[in-house]
């Protein structure tokens, strides 16, 4: 997953979206308007929600599906 904040002064949106070319697994891009480079500190609830939604749950990741 690529998460980019529109206020990031160290990374451009194009650099983030071009990262998809280097990923072999599932890829998803999320833009957070107004967030800067340290978005984990600026909007932690938003980042956590996106990560929990993107990452597989432990039960789903288990070969048997039972955790």
Protein backbone atom coordinates (compact mmCIF):
# COMPACT_ATOMS: atom_id res chain seq x y z
CA UNK A 1 0.00 0.00 0.00
CA UNK A 2 1.20 3.47 -0.81
CA UNK A 3 -0.16 6.24 1.37
CA UNK A 4 0.77 9.78 0.41
CA UNK A 5 -0.06 13.08 2.04
CA UNK A 6 -0.66 16.07 -0.23
CA UNK A 7 1.47 18.21 2.10
CA UNK A 8 4.53 15.94 1.87
CA UNK A 9 7.59 18.02 0.96
CA UNK A 10 9.93 15.02 0.70
CA UNK A 11 7.97 12.72 -1.62
CA UNK A 12 5.90 13.57 -4.66
CA UNK A 13 2.62 11.95 -5.62
CA UNK A 14 4.20 10.65 -8.83
CA UNK A 15 7.02 9.00 -6.89
CA UNK A 16 4.45 7.26 -4.72
CA UNK A 17 2.19 6.11 -7.52
CA UNK A 18 5.18 4.95 -9.58
CA UNK A 19 6.05 2.62 -6.68
CA UNK A 20 3.39 0.27 -8.05
CA UNK A 21 5.89 -0.75 -10.74
CA UNK A 22 8.12 -2.27 -8.03
CA UNK A 23 5.47 -4.28 -6.24
CA UNK A 24 4.67 -7.90 -7.04
CA UNK A 25 1.80 -8.32 -4.60
CA UNK A 26 -1.44 -6.42 -4.15
CA UNK A 27 -1.08 -2.65 -4.56
CA UNK A 28 -3.33 0.11 -3.41
CA UNK A 29 -2.76 3.86 -3.37
CA UNK A 30 -4.33 6.26 -0.90
CA UNK A 31 -3.99 10.04 -0.90
CA UNK A 32 -4.60 11.98 2.29
CA UNK A 33 -5.27 15.62 1.59
CA UNK A 34 -3.50 18.01 3.94
CA UNK A 35 -1.27 15.40 5.60
CA UNK A 36 2.48 15.88 5.45
CA UNK A 37 5.48 13.54 5.47
CA UNK A 38 4.89 12.43 9.08
CA UNK A 39 1.26 11.49 8.56
CA UNK A 40 1.49 8.68 11.13
CA UNK A 41 1.81 11.44 13.76
CA UNK A 42 -0.57 13.89 12.08
CA UNK A 43 -3.52 11.61 11.29
CA UNK A 44 -2.85 8.30 13.10
CA UNK A 45 -6.50 7.18 13.13
CA UNK A 46 -6.73 7.53 9.36
CA UNK A 47 -3.46 5.66 8.79
CA UNK A 48 -4.46 2.86 11.17
CA UNK A 49 -7.87 2.49 9.51
CA UNK A 50 -6.28 2.23 6.06
CA UNK A 51 -3.70 -0.32 7.21
CA UNK A 52 -6.22 -2.50 9.04
CA UNK A 53 -8.44 -2.45 5.96
CA UNK A 54 -5.55 -3.35 3.65
CA UNK A 55 -3.69 -5.98 5.67
CA UNK A 56 -5.18 -9.46 5.90
CA UNK A 57 -6.64 -10.47 9.23
CA UNK A 58 -4.88 -13.23 11.13
CA UNK A 59 -7.77 -15.63 10.49
CA UNK A 60 -7.80 -14.88 6.76
CA UNK A 61 -4.02 -15.30 6.55
CA UNK A 62 -4.10 -18.70 8.24
CA UNK A 63 -3.96 -21.67 5.85
CA UNK A 64 -6.94 -23.22 7.63
CA UNK A 65 -8.78 -19.94 8.11
CA UNK A 66 -9.18 -20.66 11.82
CA UNK A 67 -6.39 -18.45 13.20
